[in-house]
PDB file of N, CA and C in Angstrom:
ATOM      1  N   MET A   1      13.614 -21.862 -46.939  1.00  0.00           N
ATOM      2  CA  MET A   1      14.774 -22.550 -45.728  1.00  0.00           C
ATOM      3  C   MET A   1      14.132 -21.860 -44.674  1.00  0.00           C
ATOM      4  N   ILE A   2      13.746 -22.876 -43.205  1.00  0.00           N
ATOM      5  CA  ILE A   2      13.727 -22.264 -42.214  1.00  0.00           C
ATOM      6  C   ILE A   2      14.788 -22.078 -41.097  1.00  0.00           C
ATOM      7  N   SER A   3      14.744 -21.191 -40.675  1.00  0.00           N
ATOM      8  CA  SER A   3      16.017 -20.990 -39.498  1.00  0.00           C
ATOM      9  C   SER A   3      15.680 -21.581 -38.147  1.00  0.00           C
ATOM     10  N   ASN A   4      16.570 -21.661 -37.497  1.00  0.00           N
ATOM     11  CA  ASN A   4      16.046 -22.400 -36.162  1.00  0.00           C
ATOM     12  C   ASN A   4      16.510 -21.335 -35.206  1.00  0.00           C
ATOM     13  N   THR A   5      15.569 -20.688 -35.052  1.00  0.00           N
ATOM     14  CA  THR A   5      15.448 -19.254 -33.867  1.00  0.00           C
ATOM     15  C   THR A   5      14.810 -19.827 -32.732  1.00  0.00           C
ATOM     16  N   SER A   6      15.648 -19.310 -31.749  1.00  0.00           N
ATOM     17  CA  SER A   6      14.955 -19.292 -30.335  1.00  0.00           C
ATOM     18  C   SER A   6      14.954 -18.182 -29.633  1.00  0.00           C
ATOM     19  N   HIS A   7      13.701 -17.636 -29.071  1.00  0.00           N
ATOM     20  CA  HIS A   7      13.278 -16.707 -28.319  1.00  0.00           C
ATOM     21  C   HIS A   7      13.438 -16.983 -26.949  1.00  0.00           C
ATOM     22  N   VAL A   8      14.516 -16.217 -26.511  1.00  0.00           N
ATOM     23  CA  VAL A   8      14.609 -16.156 -25.142  1.00  0.00           C
ATOM     24  C   VAL A   8      14.106 -14.827 -24.421  1.00  0.00           C
ATOM     25  N   THR A   9      13.234 -15.355 -23.555  1.00  0.00           N
ATOM     26  CA  THR A   9      12.451 -14.405 -22.989  1.00  0.00           C
ATOM     27  C   THR A   9      12.944 -13.615 -21.553  1.00  0.00           C
ATOM     28  N   HIS A  10      12.532 -12.437 -21.471  1.00  0.00           N
ATOM     29  CA  HIS A  10      13.215 -12.048 -20.018  1.00  0.00           C
ATOM     30  C   HIS A  10      11.838 -12.039 -18.772  1.00  0.00           C
ATOM     31  N   LYS A  11      12.344 -12.898 -18.040  1.00  0.00           N
ATOM     32  CA  LYS A  11      11.592 -13.161 -16.802  1.00  0.00           C
ATOM     33  C   LYS A  11      11.993 -12.177 -15.751  1.00  0.00           C
ATOM     34  N   PRO A  12      10.937 -11.235 -15.601  1.00  0.00           N
ATOM     35  CA  PRO A  12      11.096 -10.574 -14.307  1.00  0.00           C
ATOM     36  C   PRO A  12      10.988 -10.773 -13.157  1.00  0.00           C
ATOM     37  N   ASN A  13      12.261 -10.688 -12.334  1.00  0.00           N
ATOM     38  CA  ASN A  13      11.973 -11.644 -11.104  1.00  0.00           C
ATOM     39  C   ASN A  13      11.444 -10.960  -9.929  1.00  0.00           C
ATOM     40  N   GLY A  14      10.878  -9.861 -10.531  1.00  0.00           N
ATOM     41  CA  GLY A  14       9.932  -9.234  -9.456  1.00  0.00           C
ATOM     42  C   GLY A  14      10.368  -8.229  -8.223  1.00  0.00           C
ATOM     43  N   TRP A  15      11.781  -8.094  -8.472  1.00  0.00           N
ATOM     44  CA  TRP A  15      12.458  -7.172  -7.489  1.00  0.00           C
ATOM     45  C   TRP A  15      12.038  -5.724  -7.470  1.00  0.00           C
ATOM     46  N   ASP A  16      11.849  -5.486  -9.001  1.00  0.00           N
ATOM     47  CA  ASP A  16      11.263  -3.825  -9.140  1.00  0.00           C
ATOM     48  C   ASP A  16       9.737  -4.015  -8.785  1.00  0.00           C
ATOM     49  N   ASP A  17       8.770  -4.670  -8.884  1.00  0.00           N
ATOM     50  CA  ASP A  17       7.341  -4.736  -8.498  1.00  0.00           C
ATOM     51  C   ASP A  17       7.474  -4.637  -6.540  1.00  0.00           C
ATOM     52  N   LYS A  18       8.496  -5.262  -6.051  1.00  0.00           N
ATOM     53  CA  LYS A  18       8.503  -5.190  -4.910  1.00  0.00           C
ATOM     54  C   LYS A  18       9.357  -3.963  -4.228  1.00  0.00           C
ATOM     55  N   MET A  19       9.819  -3.428  -4.824  1.00  0.00           N
ATOM     56  CA  MET A  19      10.485  -2.334  -4.454  1.00  0.00           C
ATOM     57  C   MET A  19       9.570  -0.977  -4.770  1.00  0.00           C
ATOM     58  N   ALA A  20       8.946  -1.145  -5.815  1.00  0.00           N
ATOM     59  CA  ALA A  20       8.005   0.059  -6.124  1.00  0.00           C
ATOM     60  C   ALA A  20       6.497  -0.242  -4.617  1.00  0.00           C
ATOM     61  N   PHE A  21       6.538  -1.117  -4.647  1.00  0.00           N
ATOM     62  CA  PHE A  21       5.294  -1.696  -3.422  1.00  0.00           C
ATOM     63  C   PHE A  21       5.983  -0.650  -2.205  1.00  0.00           C
ATOM     64  N   VAL A  22       7.084  -1.105  -1.797  1.00  0.00           N
ATOM     65  CA  VAL A  22       7.421  -0.686  -0.515  1.00  0.00           C
ATOM     66  C   VAL A  22       7.521   0.641  -0.786  1.00  0.00           C
ATOM     67  N   LEU A  23       8.018   1.359  -1.671  1.00  0.00           N
ATOM     68  CA  LEU A  23       8.377   2.676  -1.747  1.00  0.00           C
ATOM     69  C   LEU A  23       7.086   3.576  -1.621  1.00  0.00           C
ATOM     70  N   ILE A  24       5.977   2.384  -2.000  1.00  0.00           N
ATOM     71  CA  ILE A  24       4.510   3.294  -2.002  1.00  0.00           C
ATOM     72  C   ILE A  24       4.161   3.235  -0.589  1.00  0.00           C
ATOM     73  N   PHE A  25       4.320   1.993   0.019  1.00  0.00           N
ATOM     74  CA  PHE A  25       3.288   1.598   0.990  1.00  0.00           C
ATOM     75  C   PHE A  25       4.005   2.116   2.571  1.00  0.00           C
ATOM     76  N   VAL A  26       5.335   2.053   2.592  1.00  0.00           N
ATOM     77  CA  VAL A  26       5.694   2.715   3.827  1.00  0.00           C
ATOM     78  C   VAL A  26       5.786   4.272   4.020  1.00  0.00           C
ATOM     79  N   PRO A  27       5.834   4.876   3.008  1.00  0.00           N
ATOM     80  CA  PRO A  27       5.706   6.551   3.034  1.00  0.00           C
ATOM     81  C   PRO A  27       3.859   6.807   3.669  1.00  0.00           C
ATOM     82  N   CYS A  28       3.377   6.287   2.879  1.00  0.00           N
ATOM     83  CA  CYS A  28       1.787   6.167   2.813  1.00  0.00           C
ATOM     84  C   CYS A  28       1.324   5.376   4.490  1.00  0.00           C
ATOM     85  N   PHE A  29       2.065   4.386   4.725  1.00  0.00           N
ATOM     86  CA  PHE A  29       1.405   3.967   6.069  1.00  0.00           C
ATOM     87  C   PHE A  29       2.335   5.088   7.280  1.00  0.00           C
ATOM     88  N   VAL A  30       3.294   5.540   6.941  1.00  0.00           N
ATOM     89  CA  VAL A  30       3.882   6.441   8.408  1.00  0.00           C
ATOM     90  C   VAL A  30       2.878   7.663   8.274  1.00  0.00           C
ATOM     91  N   VAL A  31       2.479   8.194   6.710  1.00  0.00           N
ATOM     92  CA  VAL A  31       2.110   9.584   6.965  1.00  0.00           C
ATOM     93  C   VAL A  31       0.679   9.201   7.488  1.00  0.00           C
ATOM     94  N   LEU A  32      -0.309   8.050   7.037  1.00  0.00           N
ATOM     95  CA  LEU A  32      -1.684   7.847   7.785  1.00  0.00           C
ATOM     96  C   LEU A  32      -1.343   7.256   8.989  1.00  0.00           C
ATOM     97  N   LEU A  33      -0.370   6.615   9.497  1.00  0.00           N
ATOM     98  CA  LEU A  33      -0.495   6.306  11.015  1.00  0.00           C
ATOM     99  C   LEU A  33      -0.267   7.774  11.853  1.00  0.00           C
ATOM    100  N   SER A  34       0.408   8.839  11.366  1.00  0.00           N
ATOM    101  CA  SER A  34       0.686   9.794  11.998  1.00  0.00           C
ATOM    102  C   SER A  34      -0.672  10.493  12.267  1.00  0.00           C
ATOM    103  N   PHE A  35      -1.676  10.641  11.132  1.00  0.00           N
ATOM    104  CA  PHE A  35      -2.674  11.153  11.342  1.00  0.00           C
ATOM    105  C   PHE A  35      -3.643  10.180  12.482  1.00  0.00           C
ATOM    106  N   ALA A  36      -3.522   8.945  12.210  1.00  0.00           N
ATOM    107  CA  ALA A  36      -4.391   8.125  13.380  1.00  0.00           C
ATOM    108  C   ALA A  36      -3.727   8.142  14.862  1.00  0.00           C
ATOM    109  N   VAL A  37      -2.845   8.161  14.719  1.00  0.00           N
ATOM    110  CA  VAL A  37      -1.937   8.409  15.878  1.00  0.00           C
ATOM    111  C   VAL A  37      -2.356  10.268  16.798  1.00  0.00           C
ATOM    112  N   PHE A  38      -2.626  10.793  15.917  1.00  0.00           N
ATOM    113  CA  PHE A  38      -2.860  12.283  16.273  1.00  0.00           C
ATOM    114  C   PHE A  38      -4.451  11.911  16.394  1.00  0.00           C
ATOM    115  N   GLY A  39      -4.915  11.923  16.225  1.00  0.00           N
ATOM    116  CA  GLY A  39      -6.500  11.636  16.219  1.00  0.00           C
ATOM    117  C   GLY A  39      -7.108  10.822  17.664  1.00  0.00           C
ATOM    118  N   GLN A  40      -5.871   9.894  17.520  1.00  0.00           N
ATOM    119  CA  GLN A  40      -6.368   8.740  18.813  1.00  0.00           C
ATOM    120  C   GLN A  40      -5.863   9.581  20.159  1.00  0.00           C
ATOM    121  N   LEU A  41      -4.981  10.020  20.057  1.00  0.00           N
ATOM    122  CA  LEU A  41      -4.366  11.005  21.215  1.00  0.00           C
ATOM    123  C   LEU A  41      -5.368  12.210  21.544  1.00  0.00           C
ATOM    124  N   VAL A  42      -5.440  12.891  20.391  1.00  0.00           N
ATOM    125  CA  VAL A  42      -6.694  14.041  20.950  1.00  0.00           C
ATOM    126  C   VAL A  42      -8.018  13.460  20.920  1.00  0.00           C
ATOM    127  N   GLY A  43      -8.680  12.371  20.619  1.00  0.00           N
ATOM    128  CA  GLY A  43      -9.733  11.762  20.954  1.00  0.00           C
ATOM    129  C   GLY A  43     -10.881  11.909  20.251  1.00  0.00           C
ATOM    130  N   LEU A  44     -10.339  12.133  18.818  1.00  0.00           N
ATOM    131  CA  LEU A  44     -11.441  12.310  17.829  1.00  0.00           C
ATOM    132  C   LEU A  44     -11.382  10.973  16.788  1.00  0.00           C
ATOM    133  N   ARG A  45     -12.436  11.031  15.954  1.00  0.00           N
ATOM    134  CA  ARG A  45     -12.797   9.918  15.445  1.00  0.00           C
ATOM    135  C   ARG A  45     -12.065   9.588  14.160  1.00  0.00           C
ATOM    136  N   TRP A  46     -10.989   9.052  14.337  1.00  0.00           N
ATOM    137  CA  TRP A  46      -9.973   9.477  12.938  1.00  0.00           C
ATOM    138  C   TRP A  46     -10.173   8.321  11.974  1.00  0.00           C
ATOM    139  N   LYS A  47     -11.009   6.976  12.421  1.00  0.00           N
ATOM    140  CA  LYS A  47     -11.207   5.983  11.376  1.00  0.00           C
ATOM    141  C   LYS A  47     -12.286   6.400  10.573  1.00  0.00           C
ATOM    142  N   SER A  48     -12.859   7.937  10.489  1.00  0.00           N
ATOM    143  CA  SER A  48     -13.697   8.539   9.667  1.00  0.00           C
ATOM    144  C   SER A  48     -12.914   9.015   8.764  1.00  0.00           C
ATOM    145  N   TRP A  49     -11.522   9.176   9.248  1.00  0.00           N
ATOM    146  CA  TRP A  49     -10.783  10.037   8.561  1.00  0.00           C
ATOM    147  C   TRP A  49     -10.432   9.233   7.272  1.00  0.00           C
ATOM    148  N   LEU A  50      -9.764   8.335   7.400  1.00  0.00           N
ATOM    149  CA  LEU A  50      -9.226   7.344   6.119  1.00  0.00           C
ATOM    150  C   LEU A  50     -10.368   6.430   5.453  1.00  0.00           C
ATOM    151  N   PRO A  51     -10.333   6.510   4.284  1.00  0.00           N
ATOM    152  CA  PRO A  51     -11.154   5.121   3.818  1.00  0.00           C
ATOM    153  C   PRO A  51     -10.705   4.032   3.948  1.00  0.00           C
ATOM    154  N   GLY A  52     -11.587   3.032   4.118  1.00  0.00           N
ATOM    155  CA  GLY A  52     -11.248   1.651   4.651  1.00  0.00           C
ATOM    156  C   GLY A  52     -10.868   1.485   6.162  1.00  0.00           C
ATOM    157  N   ALA A  53     -10.778   2.348   6.695  1.00  0.00           N
ATOM    158  CA  ALA A  53     -10.535   1.981   8.072  1.00  0.00           C
ATOM    159  C   ALA A  53     -11.649   2.148   8.975  1.00  0.00           C
ATOM    160  N   GLU A  54     -12.749   2.174   8.876  1.00  0.00           N
ATOM    161  CA  GLU A  54     -13.997   2.397   9.416  1.00  0.00           C
ATOM    162  C   GLU A  54     -14.452   0.943  10.237  1.00  0.00           C
ATOM    163  N   ASN A  55     -14.304  -0.163  10.017  1.00  0.00           N
ATOM    164  CA  ASN A  55     -14.560  -1.310  10.699  1.00  0.00           C
ATOM    165  C   ASN A  55     -13.526  -2.004  11.338  1.00  0.00           C
ATOM    166  N   MET A  56     -12.399  -1.391  11.451  1.00  0.00           N
ATOM    167  CA  MET A  56     -10.976  -1.962  12.120  1.00  0.00           C
ATOM    168  C   MET A  56     -11.020  -1.577  12.852  1.00  0.00           C
ATOM    169  N   SER A  57     -10.344  -2.740  14.330  1.00  0.00           N
ATOM    170  CA  SER A  57     -10.368  -2.687  15.629  1.00  0.00           C
ATOM    171  C   SER A  57      -9.315  -2.017  16.078  1.00  0.00           C
ATOM    172  N   ASN A  58      -8.368  -2.056  15.476  1.00  0.00           N
ATOM    173  CA  ASN A  58      -7.106  -0.877  16.279  1.00  0.00           C
ATOM    174  C   ASN A  58      -6.402   0.026  15.108  1.00  0.00           C
ATOM    175  N   VAL A  59      -5.662   0.590  15.683  1.00  0.00           N
ATOM    176  CA  VAL A  59      -5.139   1.353  14.564  1.00  0.00           C
ATOM    177  C   VAL A  59      -4.383   1.086  13.759  1.00  0.00           C
ATOM    178  N   VAL A  60      -3.201   0.038  13.814  1.00  0.00           N
ATOM    179  CA  VAL A  60      -2.128  -0.612  12.697  1.00  0.00           C
ATOM    180  C   VAL A  60      -3.227  -1.266  11.874  1.00  0.00           C
ATOM    181  N   THR A  61      -4.335  -2.217  12.099  1.00  0.00           N
ATOM    182  CA  THR A  61      -4.922  -2.294  10.766  1.00  0.00           C
ATOM    183  C   THR A  61      -5.739  -1.397  10.428  1.00  0.00           C
ATOM    184  N   GLY A  62      -6.190  -0.655  10.986  1.00  0.00           N
ATOM    185  CA  GLY A  62      -7.006   0.378  10.045  1.00  0.00           C
ATOM    186  C   GLY A  62      -5.919   1.331   9.390  1.00  0.00           C
ATOM    187  N   VAL A  63      -4.801   1.764   9.650  1.00  0.00           N
ATOM    188  CA  VAL A  63      -3.851   2.134   8.537  1.00  0.00           C
ATOM    189  C   VAL A  63      -3.325   1.162   7.661  1.00  0.00           C
ATOM    190  N   LYS A  64      -3.381   0.399   8.072  1.00  0.00           N
ATOM    191  CA  LYS A  64      -3.041  -0.514   6.925  1.00  0.00           C
ATOM    192  C   LYS A  64      -4.013  -1.164   6.087  1.00  0.00           C
ATOM    193  N   ALA A  65      -5.354  -0.993   6.391  1.00  0.00           N
ATOM    194  CA  ALA A  65      -6.412  -1.164   5.367  1.00  0.00           C
ATOM    195  C   ALA A  65      -6.902  -0.014   4.397  1.00  0.00           C
ATOM    196  N   SER A  66      -6.635   1.477   5.542  1.00  0.00           N
ATOM    197  CA  SER A  66      -6.459   2.428   4.511  1.00  0.00           C
ATOM    198  C   SER A  66      -5.442   2.511   3.746  1.00  0.00           C
ATOM    199  N   VAL A  67      -4.075   2.368   3.668  1.00  0.00           N
ATOM    200  CA  VAL A  67      -3.292   2.510   2.675  1.00  0.00           C
ATOM    201  C   VAL A  67      -3.361   1.568   1.475  1.00  0.00           C
ATOM    202  N   TYR A  68      -3.768   0.386   1.872  1.00  0.00           N
ATOM    203  CA  TYR A  68      -4.591  -0.201   0.966  1.00  0.00           C
ATOM    204  C   TYR A  68      -5.411   0.131  -0.272  1.00  0.00           C
ATOM    205  N   THR A  69      -6.328   0.648   0.518  1.00  0.00           N
ATOM    206  CA  THR A  69      -7.638   1.365  -0.245  1.00  0.00           C
ATOM    207  C   THR A  69      -7.017   2.662  -1.217  1.00  0.00           C
ATOM    208  N   PHE A  70      -6.292   3.167  -0.603  1.00  0.00           N
ATOM    209  CA  PHE A  70      -5.460   4.351  -1.087  1.00  0.00           C
ATOM    210  C   PHE A  70      -4.442   3.838  -2.445  1.00  0.00           C
ATOM    211  N   MET A  71      -3.570   3.082  -2.135  1.00  0.00           N
ATOM    212  CA  MET A  71      -2.648   2.194  -2.993  1.00  0.00           C
ATOM    213  C   MET A  71      -3.845   1.896  -4.291  1.00  0.00           C
ATOM    214  N   SER A  72      -5.077   1.127  -3.809  1.00  0.00           N
ATOM    215  CA  SER A  72      -6.056   0.411  -5.507  1.00  0.00           C
ATOM    216  C   SER A  72      -5.992   1.893  -6.304  1.00  0.00           C
ATOM    217  N   HIS A  73      -6.368   3.117  -5.082  1.00  0.00           N
ATOM    218  CA  HIS A  73      -6.909   4.371  -6.447  1.00  0.00           C
ATOM    219  C   HIS A  73      -5.656   4.693  -6.932  1.00  0.00           C
ATOM    220  N   ILE A  74      -3.968   4.678  -6.552  1.00  0.00           N
ATOM    221  CA  ILE A  74      -3.062   5.254  -7.672  1.00  0.00           C
ATOM    222  C   ILE A  74      -2.574   4.393  -8.157  1.00  0.00           C
ATOM    223  N   ILE A  75      -2.934   2.883  -8.092  1.00  0.00           N
ATOM    224  CA  ILE A  75      -1.945   2.280  -9.405  1.00  0.00           C
ATOM    225  C   ILE A  75      -2.928   1.538 -10.346  1.00  0.00           C
TER     226      ILE A  75
END
């Protein structure tokens, strides 16, 4: 006898992934932005401090690239 079974799969809505991304990205961005702003104000070459920011044109894009580089190493 073959029973009629249906499989209900739980499809995640991505909310957990988005929250995890935000909870990692935002604090890292703030910390690395503070390093970059400090370096900019003091006149140091801050781009060499942050991996991934070497070829970026401004502080925000450099920090963003650095955070993505950092996140790729921890995830």
